[in-house]
Amino acid sequence: MKSSRTFSLFNIINSIFMILIVLFTLYPFVYLVAQSFSSEAAIYAGKVSIFPVEFTTKTYQVILSKPDFFLYYWNTIVYSVTGTFIAVAATAVMSYPLSKEKLRLNKFFIPFVLFTMYFGGGLIPNYILVAKTLELRDTIWAIVIPGAISAFNVILMKTFFAGLPGELEEAGRVDGLGVFGIFTRIILPLSKPILVTIMLFVMVGMWNNWFGPSLYLQSKEKWPVALYLKQIIDNAISPTEIGATSDQTSQIAASVKSTAMVLTSLPIICIYPFVQKYFVQGMMIGAVKG
């Protein structure tokens, strides 16, 4: 009886603690949303907390009224989807052989992969390789290829593959499947949690990437939305530079930053609930088996 009461008390304390963590986690985003719908005067007066003050949508009107905004959003979708597909496919193809202890030179390849986590060559060599040697500047490939394979993702997926029962592969060989057939028809369908986890990692990185595009994309019509919104934030002191008229300038200098952050974060926030189950499974399996 005493043990049951102790367990119940622990659940109550744990629930309260988790609720507080959730509130602390959500508050920054709620504050950004409230600030993006508040007037400039209310923001500077410090009146905004979790609800908009002097509700206005002028900042959203200024940003969304520009036709280029939707072009940049479409560019980001293309970069994110293409980059995620290439990254997940390349990571899986690289991780599967590394998960096999019988692979020749396995003990050499794994430290080599780990080494790239600590030394990536540097910015200037990478720029020369992508822009000069491979001549990928001002193309989609300059955005999606350099970060296609992450050492962290490779190790995480390798750990997951190594934890799958070897009897499944033996059964596949008995049924006449080759290595490719075993990989595509047995291993990948069982690896949905880790694949979704890596997909989420890559997609978030691609969606928020503005530094790479600022280096490699010369044509403004090829910009992703993150780079465009960064320009908006940089120009927030002078709103007329982003298309605002003189009667709007007093309303958007501060709230434009919050609006840009909301517009950038919202798609990822909307996607996460649908992949949360697989994401948690992938991280837990990788942590336990690692």
Foldseek 3Di string as FASTA:
>chain_A
DVVVVVVVVVVVVVVVVVVVVVCVVCQVLLQLVQLLQEFLVCVVVVVGGRHHDNGDNLLVCLQVVDPLLVLQAVLLVVLLVVLLVLLLVVLLVVLQLLLDPPDPCSVVVLVVLVVCQVDVPDDVVLLCCCCPVVVCFQHSCLQRPPPSYHSVLSLLVNLVNNPDDPVQVVVCVVVPDDPVCCCPVPVVVVLQLSSLQSSLVSSLCSLQDQPSCVSRRPDPSSHHNNVVLVVCLVCLCPNVVSPDDPVCNSGGSPSSNSVSVCVSCVVSVVPCVVSVVSNVVSVVSSVVSD
